[in-house]
Amino acid sequence: MTGHTGRPATGRAPADPARLQLEFRHRDRLMDPTAAGAQVWQVDITADGEPAGSLQATRGLWWKAVDLRERLTDEGSFTAEVARRILRPDGAFTDDFDDLIQRAGYLLVLDRCEMKPPWDDPLTVAGVVTSVIDRLTDTFFAVVLPRAGAPGSVGAHLLEPAGRMPAAVEFTDELLILDTSRAPLAGAAIRVRDRLIDRSRHGGVDRAGLDERDWIENREYQALTPRTAALLRLAMRQLSLGRLGRRSPPWATRRCRVTRAVCSAPCLR
């Protein structure tokens, strides 16, 4: 059971996320022109083979649709609200949307999130959200999530806090937007995954003393490009194992500006 913030009820520890598995299902008729431009994916979430939750992800591909706004509207519910808020009647993106998104191209609408206890906490859902984004998008997508109270949405009380963890920003009173072309997404997604790994290592319990806002809003980490963020994660892992810089010749090593450790990899800022 969750409160209005989407946080698990007090007295219940989060479950171990290592038990979760995602299964992506997409069904499409071979010769159905009305389905062109909108791909609806059902993400089934299981824990040890038992149902733990689900999420719906709708990809809007304007180059496949004669009228993407109409096609998304046909899906109804929250997806129709997204089409009305982001696309003009002529099919073009609204000016506000173009101003917000660095490389406006395709859409991924996340909705219909249902999680059974004890999996219904924002960090677990954030892990699901970042995993779905990683599998269904590239750097040209705008990911749209509902805010609590969004018309037609299911599970918005979980999706809103989960979406804010990977740096989603407010677009309207009903919508959050996450731009996959911006570096903060990569850094935030890494922190979400690392926090879930940390929780798994401690038997499904978050370590005491961690302030969620500190690791979500770390501006130095958010400023990294996706490639640098990946390099940083690898460097930190090697550093924890005591391997960083051991096998590199002296002329090939330098002191990394990010980790302050000896590193042979080139700086990819």
Protein backbone atom coordinates (compact mmCIF):
# COMPACT_ATOMS: atom_id res chain seq x y z
CA MET A 1 0.00 0.00 0.00
CA THR A 2 1.32 3.47 -0.87
CA GLY A 3 0.53 7.02 0.11
CA HIS A 4 -0.10 9.92 -2.27
CA THR A 5 3.66 10.35 -2.79
CA GLY A 6 4.05 6.81 -4.04
CA ARG A 7 6.37 5.86 -1.19
CA PRO A 8 5.90 2.47 0.46
CA ALA A 9 3.96 2.44 3.70
CA THR A 10 6.07 2.87 6.80
CA GLY A 11 7.20 -0.28 8.49
CA ARG A 12 7.66 -2.20 5.22
CA ALA A 13 11.17 -2.60 3.81
CA PRO A 14 11.62 -2.49 0.02
CA ALA A 15 11.96 -5.90 -1.60
CA ASP A 16 15.15 -7.09 -3.28
CA PRO A 17 15.05 -5.79 -6.91
CA ALA A 18 17.39 -8.57 -8.04
CA ARG A 19 14.36 -10.87 -8.07
CA LEU A 20 12.60 -8.84 -10.78
CA GLN A 21 12.54 -9.70 -14.47
CA LEU A 22 11.04 -7.72 -17.38
CA GLU A 23 9.34 -9.27 -20.38
CA PHE A 24 8.53 -7.07 -23.39
CA ARG A 25 5.57 -8.03 -25.57
CA HIS A 26 4.52 -6.23 -28.75
CA ARG A 27 1.68 -7.44 -30.95
CA ASP A 28 0.99 -5.98 -34.37
CA ARG A 29 -1.09 -7.12 -37.32
CA LEU A 30 1.01 -7.59 -40.41
CA MET A 31 -1.27 -5.67 -42.79
CA ASP A 32 -3.03 -3.20 -40.48
CA PRO A 33 -2.39 0.37 -41.72
CA THR A 34 -4.25 1.87 -38.75
CA ALA A 35 -1.52 0.55 -36.44
CA ALA A 36 1.28 2.37 -38.29
CA GLY A 37 3.13 4.96 -36.27
CA ALA A 38 2.20 3.77 -32.78
CA GLN A 39 3.82 0.70 -31.25
CA VAL A 40 2.27 -0.41 -27.98
CA TRP A 41 4.49 -2.52 -25.75
CA GLN A 42 3.28 -4.39 -22.70
CA VAL A 43 6.03 -4.82 -20.11
CA ASP A 44 5.26 -7.66 -17.72
CA ILE A 45 7.24 -7.63 -14.47
CA THR A 46 7.75 -10.86 -12.56
CA ALA A 47 9.49 -11.79 -9.31
CA ASP A 48 10.76 -15.35 -9.13
CA GLY A 49 8.32 -16.21 -11.92
CA GLU A 50 5.30 -14.71 -10.17
CA PRO A 51 3.52 -11.56 -11.45
CA ALA A 52 4.78 -8.42 -9.71
CA GLY A 53 3.44 -5.66 -11.95
CA SER A 54 3.16 -4.25 -15.45
CA LEU A 55 3.77 -1.12 -17.48
CA GLN A 56 2.57 0.09 -20.88
CA ALA A 57 4.95 1.86 -23.25
CA THR A 58 3.70 3.45 -26.48
CA ARG A 59 6.21 4.56 -29.09
CA GLY A 60 5.08 7.34 -31.42
CA LEU A 61 6.99 7.28 -34.72
CA TRP A 62 5.91 10.26 -36.82
CA TRP A 63 7.59 9.03 -40.01
CA LYS A 64 5.45 5.88 -40.00
CA ALA A 65 2.14 7.59 -39.31
CA VAL A 66 0.02 9.60 -41.74
CA ASP A 67 -1.26 11.51 -38.69
CA LEU A 68 0.56 10.71 -35.46
CA ARG A 69 -1.75 12.91 -33.39
CA GLU A 70 -4.79 10.99 -34.58
CA ARG A 71 -3.03 7.65 -34.18
CA LEU A 72 -2.06 8.34 -30.57
CA THR A 73 -5.51 9.73 -29.84
CA ASP A 74 -6.98 6.42 -31.01
CA GLU A 75 -5.14 4.71 -28.14
CA GLY A 76 -7.30 6.67 -25.69
CA SER A 77 -6.74 7.39 -22.00
CA PHE A 78 -3.47 9.08 -21.07
CA THR A 79 -1.91 8.58 -24.52
CA ALA A 80 -4.72 10.64 -26.06
CA GLU A 81 -4.06 13.40 -23.52
CA VAL A 82 -0.37 13.40 -24.50
CA ALA A 83 -1.29 13.74 -28.18
CA ARG A 84 -3.52 16.71 -27.40
CA ARG A 85 -0.88 18.47 -25.31
CA ILE A 86 2.18 17.87 -27.49
CA LEU A 87 0.95 17.71 -31.10
CA ARG A 88 -0.96 20.38 -33.02
CA PRO A 89 -3.92 19.44 -35.24
CA ASP A 90 -1.63 19.62 -38.29
CA GLY A 91 0.60 16.94 -36.73
CA ALA A 92 3.55 19.18 -35.82
CA PHE A 93 4.92 19.44 -32.30
CA THR A 94 3.76 22.44 -30.29
CA ASP A 95 6.12 25.39 -29.87
CA ASP A 96 6.43 24.79 -26.11
CA PHE A 97 7.46 21.20 -26.74
CA ASP A 98 10.02 22.22 -29.38
CA ASP A 99 11.49 24.77 -26.96
CA LEU A 100 11.87 22.17 -24.20
CA ILE A 101 13.27 19.24 -26.19
CA GLN A 102 16.76 19.57 -27.60
CA ARG A 103 16.27 17.14 -30.48
CA ALA A 104 12.52 16.64 -30.83
CA GLY A 105 11.82 13.53 -32.86
CA TYR A 106 9.93 10.54 -31.49
CA LEU A 107 7.79 9.94 -28.43
CA LEU A 108 7.69 7.23 -25.78
CA VAL A 109 4.62 7.44 -23.54
CA LEU A 110 4.75 5.48 -20.28
CA ASP A 111 1.52 4.71 -18.46
CA ARG A 112 -0.61 2.01 -16.84
CA CYS A 113 1.91 1.19 -14.16
CA GLU A 114 0.63 -1.37 -11.68
CA MET A 115 2.96 -2.81 -9.05
CA LYS A 116 2.07 -5.27 -6.33
CA PRO A 117 3.45 -4.89 -2.80
CA PRO A 118 6.27 -4.93 -1.87
CA TRP A 119 7.44 -3.73 -5.30
CA ASP A 120 5.38 -0.54 -5.31
CA ASP A 121 8.08 1.94 -4.32
CA PRO A 122 9.40 4.78 -6.55
CA LEU A 123 13.00 3.55 -6.73
CA THR A 124 11.95 0.11 -8.00
CA VAL A 125 9.62 1.75 -10.54
CA ALA A 126 12.43 4.14 -11.53
CA GLY A 127 14.58 1.10 -12.27
CA VAL A 128 11.81 -0.32 -14.47
CA VAL A 129 11.35 3.04 -16.20
CA THR A 130 15.05 3.50 -17.00
CA SER A 131 15.28 -0.07 -18.25
CA VAL A 132 12.29 0.42 -20.56
CA ILE A 133 13.75 3.70 -21.84
CA ASP A 134 17.09 2.01 -22.49
CA ARG A 135 15.46 -0.77 -24.55
CA LEU A 136 12.89 1.21 -26.53
CA THR A 137 14.57 4.54 -27.30
CA ASP A 138 17.68 6.19 -28.64
CA THR A 139 18.91 9.79 -28.33
CA PHE A 140 16.05 11.23 -30.41
CA PHE A 141 13.15 10.40 -28.08
CA ALA A 142 11.10 12.47 -25.70
CA VAL A 143 9.76 10.27 -22.90
CA VAL A 144 6.41 11.38 -21.48
CA LEU A 145 5.18 10.31 -18.04
CA PRO A 146 2.04 11.28 -16.12
CA ARG A 147 1.99 13.49 -13.08
CA ALA A 148 -0.22 12.52 -10.18
CA GLY A 149 -3.83 13.22 -11.12
CA ALA A 150 -3.24 13.19 -14.89
CA PRO A 151 -6.48 12.41 -16.80
CA GLY A 152 -6.82 8.79 -17.87
CA SER A 153 -3.58 7.68 -16.23
CA VAL A 154 -3.08 4.52 -14.17
CA GLY A 155 -0.28 4.42 -11.59
CA ALA A 156 0.68 8.10 -11.92
CA HIS A 157 1.39 8.24 -8.17
CA LEU A 158 4.31 5.88 -8.83
CA LEU A 159 5.37 7.14 -12.26
CA GLU A 160 5.72 10.78 -11.24
CA PRO A 161 8.35 10.28 -8.48
CA ALA A 162 9.99 7.51 -10.52
CA GLY A 163 10.22 9.81 -13.54
CA ARG A 164 11.78 12.64 -11.54
CA MET A 165 14.67 10.40 -10.49
CA PRO A 166 16.00 10.13 -14.08
CA ALA A 167 15.73 13.93 -14.45
CA ALA A 168 12.24 14.29 -15.98
CA VAL A 169 10.95 17.88 -15.85
CA GLU A 170 7.48 19.37 -15.63
CA PHE A 171 5.89 20.23 -18.97
CA THR A 172 2.29 20.82 -17.91
CA ASP A 173 0.24 20.16 -14.80
CA GLU A 174 -0.37 16.65 -16.17
CA LEU A 175 2.89 15.75 -17.97
CA LEU A 176 6.56 15.12 -17.20
CA ILE A 177 9.05 15.14 -20.08
CA LEU A 178 12.42 13.41 -20.20
CA ASP A 179 14.79 14.23 -23.06
CA THR A 180 16.97 11.23 -24.00
CA SER A 181 19.47 13.46 -25.81
CA ARG A 182 20.57 15.25 -22.66
CA ALA A 183 23.47 14.08 -20.48
CA PRO A 184 21.60 14.25 -17.12
CA LEU A 185 19.50 11.25 -18.16
CA ALA A 186 22.54 9.01 -18.50
CA GLY A 187 24.01 10.06 -15.17
CA ALA A 188 20.68 9.79 -13.35
CA ALA A 189 19.95 6.37 -14.88
CA ILE A 190 23.32 5.12 -13.66
CA ARG A 191 22.58 6.37 -10.15
CA VAL A 192 19.18 4.66 -10.15
CA ARG A 193 20.76 1.38 -11.22
CA ASP A 194 23.61 1.69 -8.71
CA ARG A 195 21.14 2.42 -5.92
CA LEU A 196 19.15 -0.70 -6.86
CA ILE A 197 22.35 -2.77 -6.93
CA ASP A 198 23.24 -1.42 -3.49
CA ARG A 199 19.78 -2.34 -2.22
CA SER A 200 20.14 -5.85 -3.64
CA ARG A 201 23.52 -6.34 -1.97
CA HIS A 202 21.97 -5.47 1.37
CA GLY A 203 19.11 -7.92 1.10
CA GLY A 204 16.48 -5.50 -0.14
CA VAL A 205 17.21 -2.84 2.48
CA ASP A 206 18.31 0.72 1.73
CA ARG A 207 21.39 1.64 3.73
CA ALA A 208 20.85 4.20 6.45
CA GLY A 209 22.15 7.72 5.95
CA LEU A 210 21.49 8.00 2.21
CA ASP A 211 19.59 11.14 1.25
CA GLU A 212 17.66 10.43 -1.94
CA ARG A 213 17.90 14.05 -3.05
CA ASP A 214 21.71 14.01 -2.83
CA TRP A 215 22.17 11.31 -5.44
CA ILE A 216 19.29 12.48 -7.65
CA GLU A 217 20.34 16.14 -7.78
CA ASN A 218 24.13 15.79 -7.84
CA ARG A 219 24.85 18.46 -10.43
CA GLU A 220 28.46 17.43 -11.02
CA TYR A 221 27.30 13.92 -11.94
CA GLN A 222 24.45 15.22 -14.10
CA ALA A 223 26.83 17.35 -16.15
CA LEU A 224 28.56 14.30 -17.60
CA THR A 225 27.97 13.22 -21.17
CA PRO A 226 26.60 9.68 -21.62
CA ARG A 227 30.00 8.31 -22.66
CA THR A 228 31.78 9.98 -19.75
CA ALA A 229 29.16 8.73 -17.31
CA ALA A 230 29.70 5.18 -18.57
CA LEU A 231 33.46 5.63 -18.26
CA LEU A 232 33.07 6.97 -14.74
CA ARG A 233 31.02 3.97 -13.70
CA LEU A 234 33.63 1.58 -15.10
CA ALA A 235 36.45 3.52 -13.43
CA MET A 236 34.69 3.50 -10.07
CA ARG A 237 34.10 -0.25 -10.35
CA GLN A 238 37.77 -0.87 -11.17
CA LEU A 239 38.83 1.44 -8.38
CA SER A 240 36.75 -0.52 -5.88
CA LEU A 241 38.47 -3.71 -7.05
CA GLY A 242 41.91 -2.14 -6.79
CA ARG A 243 42.61 -2.64 -10.50
CA LEU A 244 42.65 0.88 -11.85
CA GLY A 245 45.92 1.74 -13.56
CA ARG A 246 47.74 -1.51 -12.70
CA ARG A 247 48.30 -2.84 -16.21
CA SER A 248 48.80 0.43 -18.08
CA PRO A 249 52.34 1.58 -18.95
CA PRO A 250 53.48 4.80 -17.23
CA TRP A 251 53.28 6.85 -20.41
CA ALA A 252 49.63 5.86 -20.94
CA THR A 253 48.26 6.81 -17.54
CA ARG A 254 46.96 10.09 -16.24
CA ARG A 255 45.04 11.34 -13.25
CA CYS A 256 41.32 11.37 -14.07
CA ARG A 257 39.61 14.74 -13.48
CA VAL A 258 36.43 13.00 -12.37
CA THR A 259 37.55 10.19 -10.05
CA ARG A 260 40.96 11.68 -9.10
CA ALA A 261 42.36 8.20 -9.68
CA VAL A 262 45.03 7.02 -12.12
CA CYS A 263 43.32 6.05 -15.37
CA SER A 264 44.56 5.04 -18.83
CA ALA A 265 41.29 5.86 -20.64
CA PRO A 266 41.04 9.10 -22.62
CA CYS A 267 38.82 11.86 -21.25
CA LEU A 268 35.52 11.79 -23.15
CA ARG A 269 33.92 14.99 -21.94
